[in-house]
Amino acid sequence: MQTPTTDCSPAGGIAAFLEADHRRLEALLDAAVPPGRAPDLLVYARFREGLLRHIGLEEKILLRAARGALGAPVPRADVLRRDHGDITSLLVPTPTPDIIQLLRRILEGHNAIEEGPGGVYDVCERALAARSEEIINRMQRAPTVPTLPFQDGERALEIVERIRRSWDVA
């Protein structure tokens, strides 16, 4: 099943396309976790699928294409990949207020590295300028990512704790 990431057209550029998806995902997370209430797991499932798809767009399409165009890794791609691993791991267990807080903290810093002048999206956009429309079309056609049920086992919770310590969140 395919789900369009955003309503952004190829004319908007790669950065605009992915930044619009960030805003869509932020809105889904806000709707899934209203202040003072338990998470809406159906809305959270949409957020989770969308975020995993977004990570796939970056890893499998954007960063690969930009690396090829640059002939070298995209600057700060290593940081993005570390963040992607942490984010993905936080999507494994059932969301709790602590997990949501940590996820928001990581996403805030992560998105800042990607967006804006000189950010990863800007670097990729410049490297892929001649192929911008093709890259956006590929991202628009990318399928949703299948997800598994939440896993709240000891190993998943140990990983959450390791991530919490690495981000120094009390």
C-alpha atoms as a PDB file:
ATOM      1  CA  MET A   1       0.000   0.000   0.000  1.00  0.00           C
ATOM      2  CA  GLN A   2       1.348   3.399  -0.906  1.00  0.00           C
ATOM      3  CA  THR A   3       0.718   6.518   1.095  1.00  0.00           C
ATOM      4  CA  PRO A   4       1.719   9.942  -0.175  1.00  0.00           C
ATOM      5  CA  THR A   5       4.108  11.598   2.243  1.00  0.00           C
ATOM      6  CA  THR A   6       2.929  15.141   1.640  1.00  0.00           C
ATOM      7  CA  ASP A   7       0.989  17.252  -0.774  1.00  0.00           C
ATOM      8  CA  CYS A   8       4.246  18.918  -1.780  1.00  0.00           C
ATOM      9  CA  SER A   9       4.904  18.825  -5.511  1.00  0.00           C
ATOM     10  CA  PRO A  10       8.317  18.196  -7.077  1.00  0.00           C
ATOM     11  CA  ALA A  11       8.456  21.910  -7.900  1.00  0.00           C
ATOM     12  CA  GLY A  12       8.811  22.644  -4.176  1.00  0.00           C
ATOM     13  CA  GLY A  13      12.216  20.991  -3.966  1.00  0.00           C
ATOM     14  CA  ILE A  14      13.596  18.129  -1.919  1.00  0.00           C
ATOM     15  CA  ALA A  15      14.017  20.155   1.266  1.00  0.00           C
ATOM     16  CA  ALA A  16      10.482  21.551   1.074  1.00  0.00           C
ATOM     17  CA  PHE A  17       9.093  18.059   0.484  1.00  0.00           C
ATOM     18  CA  LEU A  18      10.858  16.513   3.478  1.00  0.00           C
ATOM     19  CA  GLU A  19      10.279  19.496   5.772  1.00  0.00           C
ATOM     20  CA  ALA A  20       6.547  19.338   4.983  1.00  0.00           C
ATOM     21  CA  ASP A  21       6.664  15.687   6.002  1.00  0.00           C
ATOM     22  CA  HIS A  22       8.323  16.701   9.292  1.00  0.00           C
ATOM     23  CA  ARG A  23       5.407  19.059   9.989  1.00  0.00           C
ATOM     24  CA  ARG A  24       2.886  16.318   9.101  1.00  0.00           C
ATOM     25  CA  LEU A  25       4.597  13.881  11.462  1.00  0.00           C
ATOM     26  CA  GLU A  26       4.766  16.464  14.261  1.00  0.00           C
ATOM     27  CA  ALA A  27       1.026  17.075  13.885  1.00  0.00           C
ATOM     28  CA  LEU A  28       0.340  13.325  14.029  1.00  0.00           C
ATOM     29  CA  LEU A  29       2.444  12.959  17.185  1.00  0.00           C
ATOM     30  CA  ASP A  30       0.652  15.902  18.796  1.00  0.00           C
ATOM     31  CA  ALA A  31      -2.713  14.350  17.919  1.00  0.00           C
ATOM     32  CA  ALA A  32      -1.590  10.926  19.175  1.00  0.00           C
ATOM     33  CA  VAL A  33      -0.353  12.199  22.516  1.00  0.00           C
ATOM     34  CA  PRO A  34      -2.640  14.966  23.752  1.00  0.00           C
ATOM     35  CA  PRO A  35      -1.399  16.703  26.919  1.00  0.00           C
ATOM     36  CA  GLY A  36      -2.600  15.021  30.095  1.00  0.00           C
ATOM     37  CA  ARG A  37      -4.211  12.070  28.290  1.00  0.00           C
ATOM     38  CA  ALA A  38      -3.206   8.547  27.406  1.00  0.00           C
ATOM     39  CA  PRO A  39      -1.808   8.097  23.898  1.00  0.00           C
ATOM     40  CA  ASP A  40      -4.288   7.344  21.127  1.00  0.00           C
ATOM     41  CA  LEU A  41      -2.645   4.181  19.845  1.00  0.00           C
ATOM     42  CA  LEU A  42      -4.457   4.260  16.496  1.00  0.00           C
ATOM     43  CA  VAL A  43      -3.143   7.738  15.706  1.00  0.00           C
ATOM     44  CA  TYR A  44       0.247   6.801  17.159  1.00  0.00           C
ATOM     45  CA  ALA A  45       0.337   3.810  14.778  1.00  0.00           C
ATOM     46  CA  ARG A  46      -0.061   6.235  11.838  1.00  0.00           C
ATOM     47  CA  PHE A  47       2.739   8.398  13.272  1.00  0.00           C
ATOM     48  CA  ARG A  48       4.939   5.344  13.762  1.00  0.00           C
ATOM     49  CA  GLU A  49       4.378   4.116  10.189  1.00  0.00           C
ATOM     50  CA  GLY A  50       4.943   7.598   8.805  1.00  0.00           C
ATOM     51  CA  LEU A  51       8.129   8.155  10.768  1.00  0.00           C
ATOM     52  CA  LEU A  52       9.570   4.801   9.725  1.00  0.00           C
ATOM     53  CA  ARG A  53       8.694   5.596   6.117  1.00  0.00           C
ATOM     54  CA  HIS A  54      10.324   9.019   6.426  1.00  0.00           C
ATOM     55  CA  ILE A  55      13.521   7.434   7.765  1.00  0.00           C
ATOM     56  CA  GLY A  56      13.453   5.049   4.815  1.00  0.00           C
ATOM     57  CA  LEU A  57      13.080   7.957   2.383  1.00  0.00           C
ATOM     58  CA  GLU A  58      16.188   9.549   3.828  1.00  0.00           C
ATOM     59  CA  GLU A  59      18.285   6.396   4.139  1.00  0.00           C
ATOM     60  CA  LYS A  60      17.319   4.511   1.000  1.00  0.00           C
ATOM     61  CA  ILE A  61      16.681   7.331  -1.435  1.00  0.00           C
ATOM     62  CA  LEU A  62      18.057  10.720  -0.382  1.00  0.00           C
ATOM     63  CA  LEU A  63      21.357   9.899   1.325  1.00  0.00           C
ATOM     64  CA  ARG A  64      22.236   7.167  -1.184  1.00  0.00           C
ATOM     65  CA  ALA A  65      21.594   9.414  -4.161  1.00  0.00           C
ATOM     66  CA  ALA A  66      23.454  12.358  -2.615  1.00  0.00           C
ATOM     67  CA  ARG A  67      26.432  10.172  -1.714  1.00  0.00           C
ATOM     68  CA  GLY A  68      26.602   9.056  -5.339  1.00  0.00           C
ATOM     69  CA  ALA A  69      26.392  12.627  -6.603  1.00  0.00           C
ATOM     70  CA  LEU A  70      28.988  13.893  -4.111  1.00  0.00           C
ATOM     71  CA  GLY A  71      31.308  10.903  -4.426  1.00  0.00           C
ATOM     72  CA  ALA A  72      31.540  10.902  -0.630  1.00  0.00           C
ATOM     73  CA  PRO A  73      29.239  10.520   2.363  1.00  0.00           C
ATOM     74  CA  VAL A  74      26.886  13.399   3.037  1.00  0.00           C
ATOM     75  CA  PRO A  75      28.265  15.519   5.903  1.00  0.00           C
ATOM     76  CA  ARG A  76      26.565  14.610   9.207  1.00  0.00           C
ATOM     77  CA  ALA A  77      24.914  11.525   7.680  1.00  0.00           C
ATOM     78  CA  ASP A  78      26.580   9.483  10.421  1.00  0.00           C
ATOM     79  CA  VAL A  79      24.751  11.539  13.055  1.00  0.00           C
ATOM     80  CA  LEU A  80      21.461  11.088  11.213  1.00  0.00           C
ATOM     81  CA  ARG A  81      21.980   7.324  11.049  1.00  0.00           C
ATOM     82  CA  ARG A  82      22.691   7.165  14.786  1.00  0.00           C
ATOM     83  CA  ASP A  83      19.534   9.162  15.445  1.00  0.00           C
ATOM     84  CA  HIS A  84      17.532   6.939  13.084  1.00  0.00           C
ATOM     85  CA  GLY A  85      18.636   3.879  15.048  1.00  0.00           C
ATOM     86  CA  ASP A  86      17.620   5.478  18.349  1.00  0.00           C
ATOM     87  CA  ILE A  87      14.296   6.707  16.954  1.00  0.00           C
ATOM     88  CA  THR A  88      13.484   3.319  15.475  1.00  0.00           C
ATOM     89  CA  SER A  89      14.284   1.608  18.774  1.00  0.00           C
ATOM     90  CA  LEU A  90      11.976   3.993  20.644  1.00  0.00           C
ATOM     91  CA  LEU A  91       9.119   2.999  18.330  1.00  0.00           C
ATOM     92  CA  VAL A  92       9.346  -0.657  19.423  1.00  0.00           C
ATOM     93  CA  PRO A  93       7.723  -0.515  22.899  1.00  0.00           C
ATOM     94  CA  THR A  94       4.291   0.798  23.747  1.00  0.00           C
ATOM     95  CA  PRO A  95       4.620   4.592  24.038  1.00  0.00           C
ATOM     96  CA  THR A  96       4.870   6.014  27.534  1.00  0.00           C
ATOM     97  CA  PRO A  97       5.194   9.676  28.542  1.00  0.00           C
ATOM     98  CA  ASP A  98       8.935   9.130  29.101  1.00  0.00           C
ATOM     99  CA  ILE A  99       9.432   7.522  25.697  1.00  0.00           C
ATOM    100  CA  ILE A 100       7.438  10.297  23.996  1.00  0.00           C
ATOM    101  CA  GLN A 101       9.495  12.969  25.778  1.00  0.00           C
ATOM    102  CA  LEU A 102      12.740  11.319  24.673  1.00  0.00           C
ATOM    103  CA  LEU A 103      11.456  10.850  21.130  1.00  0.00           C
ATOM    104  CA  ARG A 104      10.488  14.524  20.891  1.00  0.00           C
ATOM    105  CA  ARG A 105      13.899  15.586  22.187  1.00  0.00           C
ATOM    106  CA  ILE A 106      15.735  13.463  19.624  1.00  0.00           C
ATOM    107  CA  LEU A 107      13.464  14.578  16.767  1.00  0.00           C
ATOM    108  CA  GLU A 108      13.923  18.250  17.631  1.00  0.00           C
ATOM    109  CA  GLY A 109      17.706  18.079  17.358  1.00  0.00           C
ATOM    110  CA  HIS A 110      17.569  15.683  14.437  1.00  0.00           C
ATOM    111  CA  ASN A 111      15.258  17.894  12.391  1.00  0.00           C
ATOM    112  CA  ALA A 112      17.465  20.914  13.121  1.00  0.00           C
ATOM    113  CA  ILE A 113      20.441  19.105  11.555  1.00  0.00           C
ATOM    114  CA  GLU A 114      18.401  18.383   8.433  1.00  0.00           C
ATOM    115  CA  GLU A 115      16.540  21.650   7.914  1.00  0.00           C
ATOM    116  CA  GLY A 116      17.618  25.168   7.090  1.00  0.00           C
ATOM    117  CA  PRO A 117      20.559  26.720   5.242  1.00  0.00           C
ATOM    118  CA  GLY A 118      23.573  24.435   5.326  1.00  0.00           C
ATOM    119  CA  GLY A 119      21.558  21.549   6.732  1.00  0.00           C
ATOM    120  CA  VAL A 120      21.653  18.030   5.351  1.00  0.00           C
ATOM    121  CA  TYR A 121      18.618  18.664   3.144  1.00  0.00           C
ATOM    122  CA  ASP A 122      20.269  21.774   1.715  1.00  0.00           C
ATOM    123  CA  VAL A 123      23.466  19.846   0.947  1.00  0.00           C
ATOM    124  CA  CYS A 124      21.463  17.051  -0.701  1.00  0.00           C
ATOM    125  CA  GLU A 125      19.303  19.496  -2.637  1.00  0.00           C
ATOM    126  CA  ARG A 126      22.375  21.176  -4.106  1.00  0.00           C
ATOM    127  CA  ALA A 127      24.056  17.845  -4.909  1.00  0.00           C
ATOM    128  CA  LEU A 128      20.909  16.503  -6.553  1.00  0.00           C
ATOM    129  CA  ALA A 129      19.651  19.709  -8.213  1.00  0.00           C
ATOM    130  CA  ALA A 130      19.547  18.146 -11.671  1.00  0.00           C
ATOM    131  CA  ARG A 131      17.613  15.143 -10.330  1.00  0.00           C
ATOM    132  CA  SER A 132      15.338  16.877  -7.828  1.00  0.00           C
ATOM    133  CA  GLU A 133      12.069  16.004  -9.544  1.00  0.00           C
ATOM    134  CA  GLU A 134      13.122  12.367  -9.996  1.00  0.00           C
ATOM    135  CA  ILE A 135      14.150  12.040  -6.329  1.00  0.00           C
ATOM    136  CA  ILE A 136      10.877  13.554  -5.088  1.00  0.00           C
ATOM    137  CA  ASN A 137       8.875  11.304  -7.399  1.00  0.00           C
ATOM    138  CA  ARG A 138      10.709   8.269  -6.009  1.00  0.00           C
ATOM    139  CA  MET A 139       9.958   9.426  -2.457  1.00  0.00           C
ATOM    140  CA  GLN A 140       6.290   9.972  -3.279  1.00  0.00           C
ATOM    141  CA  ARG A 141       6.027   6.432  -4.638  1.00  0.00           C
ATOM    142  CA  ALA A 142       7.787   4.791  -1.688  1.00  0.00           C
ATOM    143  CA  PRO A 143       5.508   2.344   0.116  1.00  0.00           C
ATOM    144  CA  THR A 144       4.560   2.454   3.757  1.00  0.00           C
ATOM    145  CA  VAL A 145       6.762   0.463   6.087  1.00  0.00           C
ATOM    146  CA  PRO A 146       5.145  -2.552   7.723  1.00  0.00           C
ATOM    147  CA  THR A 147       5.230  -2.414  11.504  1.00  0.00           C
ATOM    148  CA  LEU A 148       5.108  -5.124  14.118  1.00  0.00           C
ATOM    149  CA  PRO A 149       3.037  -4.999  17.302  1.00  0.00           C
ATOM    150  CA  PHE A 150       4.636  -3.177  20.214  1.00  0.00           C
ATOM    151  CA  GLN A 151       7.246  -5.195  22.086  1.00  0.00           C
ATOM    152  CA  ASP A 152       7.542  -4.435  25.782  1.00  0.00           C
ATOM    153  CA  GLY A 153      10.004  -7.154  26.684  1.00  0.00           C
ATOM    154  CA  GLU A 154      13.034  -6.689  28.857  1.00  0.00           C
ATOM    155  CA  ARG A 155      15.400  -6.243  25.898  1.00  0.00           C
ATOM    156  CA  ALA A 156      13.296  -3.463  24.336  1.00  0.00           C
ATOM    157  CA  LEU A 157      13.116  -1.608  27.647  1.00  0.00           C
ATOM    158  CA  GLU A 158      16.867  -2.011  28.212  1.00  0.00           C
ATOM    159  CA  ILE A 159      17.462  -0.401  24.824  1.00  0.00           C
ATOM    160  CA  VAL A 160      15.161   2.496  25.741  1.00  0.00           C
ATOM    161  CA  GLU A 161      17.155   2.990  28.950  1.00  0.00           C
ATOM    162  CA  ARG A 162      20.463   2.916  27.031  1.00  0.00           C
ATOM    163  CA  ILE A 163      19.126   5.548  24.636  1.00  0.00           C
ATOM    164  CA  ARG A 164      17.880   7.659  27.546  1.00  0.00           C
ATOM    165  CA  ARG A 165      21.357   7.567  29.132  1.00  0.00           C
ATOM    166  CA  SER A 166      23.066   8.405  25.834  1.00  0.00           C
ATOM    167  CA  TRP A 167      20.832  11.455  25.450  1.00  0.00           C
ATOM    168  CA  ASP A 168      21.313  12.295  29.139  1.00  0.00           C
ATOM    169  CA  VAL A 169      17.609  12.537  29.822  1.00  0.00           C
ATOM    170  CA  ALA A 170      16.629  12.049  33.455  1.00  0.00           C
END
